[in-house]
Amino acid sequence: MLPFRSEIRNSPNQQAIKIFLSDETLDTRIKKHLEHFNEIDLIEITESIGQNRVGENITVFLKDDADISKMKSSIDSSLWWYFEEDHVD
C-alpha cells in the first residue's frame, strides 16, 4: 500500500490539492512538513466524504498565482522524500 495519494481539486473559489494518507495519525506531521511551500495559502485537515476514502485528508489551498500542476508534482516529490527518508517512526 502506498503511503499517500494526492488529487487536484479545482473549484471556482480556490485551487486545492487533497492528500490522502494511508496512516491518518501522520496528518499533523505531514501538514507541518508542507508548511515550507511559499505557494501554499492554507492547509487544513478535513473529514473525507466519499467511497473508498480514508477518514481524513489534508487539503492544501494554493495562492492564486500558483501553478497547480507544478505544485502537485512538488508536493508529491516532497512527500516521497519524507517517507523514503524514514521520518516516520
Protein backbone atom coordinates (compact mmCIF):
# COMPACT_ATOMS: atom_id res chain seq x y z
CA MET A 1 0.00 0.00 0.00
CA LEU A 2 1.32 3.44 -0.90
CA PRO A 3 1.87 5.87 1.97
CA PHE A 4 -0.22 8.59 0.27
CA ARG A 5 -2.02 9.70 -2.84
CA SER A 6 -2.91 13.18 -3.99
CA GLU A 7 -5.54 14.67 -6.25
CA ILE A 8 -6.03 18.09 -7.81
CA ARG A 9 -9.36 19.66 -6.95
CA ASN A 10 -10.37 22.74 -8.88
CA SER A 11 -13.20 24.86 -7.64
CA PRO A 12 -14.45 28.26 -8.73
CA ASN A 13 -13.14 29.74 -5.47
CA GLN A 14 -9.63 28.36 -4.99
CA GLN A 15 -7.23 25.74 -6.33
CA ALA A 16 -6.66 22.83 -3.96
CA ILE A 17 -4.77 19.57 -3.68
CA LYS A 18 -6.18 16.80 -1.50
CA ILE A 19 -3.72 14.39 0.12
CA PHE A 20 -4.93 11.08 1.47
CA LEU A 21 -2.51 9.33 3.82
CA SER A 22 -2.56 5.60 4.48
CA ASP A 23 -1.77 6.36 8.13
CA GLU A 24 -4.03 9.16 9.35
CA THR A 25 -2.01 9.51 12.55
CA LEU A 26 0.58 11.31 10.40
CA ASP A 27 -1.82 14.05 9.24
CA THR A 28 -0.48 16.70 11.63
CA ARG A 29 3.17 15.86 10.93
CA ILE A 30 2.65 15.97 7.17
CA LYS A 31 0.73 19.24 7.48
CA LYS A 32 3.72 20.74 9.30
CA HIS A 33 6.10 19.28 6.69
CA LEU A 34 4.20 21.04 3.88
CA GLU A 35 4.16 24.47 5.51
CA HIS A 36 7.53 25.37 3.92
CA PHE A 37 5.99 25.87 0.46
CA ASN A 38 5.56 29.58 -0.30
CA GLU A 39 2.83 28.85 -2.87
CA ILE A 40 0.51 27.41 -0.23
CA ASP A 41 -2.12 29.73 1.17
CA LEU A 42 -3.71 27.40 3.74
CA ILE A 43 -3.53 23.76 4.86
CA GLU A 44 -6.49 22.07 6.57
CA ILE A 45 -7.11 18.59 7.90
CA THR A 46 -10.70 17.73 6.98
CA GLU A 47 -13.04 14.77 7.07
CA SER A 48 -13.22 12.82 3.83
CA ILE A 49 -16.55 12.31 2.20
CA GLY A 50 -16.98 9.64 -0.45
CA GLN A 51 -16.46 6.00 -1.18
CA ASN A 52 -13.17 4.18 -0.63
CA ARG A 53 -11.60 7.10 1.17
CA VAL A 54 -9.70 7.37 4.39
CA GLY A 55 -11.49 9.14 7.24
CA GLU A 56 -9.48 12.35 6.88
CA ASN A 57 -7.50 14.18 4.26
CA ILE A 58 -5.14 17.10 4.11
CA THR A 59 -6.46 19.87 1.89
CA VAL A 60 -3.82 22.23 0.55
CA PHE A 61 -5.17 25.53 -0.78
CA LEU A 62 -2.84 27.34 -3.16
CA LYS A 63 -2.28 31.03 -3.70
CA ASP A 64 -3.96 32.49 -6.79
CA ASP A 65 -0.75 32.75 -8.84
CA ALA A 66 0.46 29.19 -8.13
CA ASP A 67 0.62 26.60 -10.93
CA ILE A 68 -1.43 23.71 -9.54
CA SER A 69 0.19 21.03 -11.72
CA LYS A 70 3.70 22.06 -10.72
CA MET A 71 2.69 22.30 -7.07
CA LYS A 72 1.15 18.82 -7.09
CA SER A 73 4.39 17.48 -8.55
CA SER A 74 6.48 19.36 -5.96
CA ILE A 75 4.28 18.22 -3.08
CA ASP A 76 4.34 14.61 -4.29
CA SER A 77 8.14 14.70 -4.57
CA SER A 78 8.47 16.21 -1.12
CA LEU A 79 6.19 13.56 0.38
CA TRP A 80 8.06 10.73 -1.34
CA TRP A 81 11.30 12.14 0.08
CA TYR A 82 9.67 12.38 3.52
CA PHE A 83 8.60 8.74 3.51
CA GLU A 84 11.82 7.43 1.93
CA GLU A 85 14.00 9.21 4.50
CA ASP A 86 12.24 7.30 7.28
CA HIS A 87 10.96 10.37 9.09
CA VAL A 88 8.08 8.15 10.10
CA ASP A 89 8.62 6.03 13.20
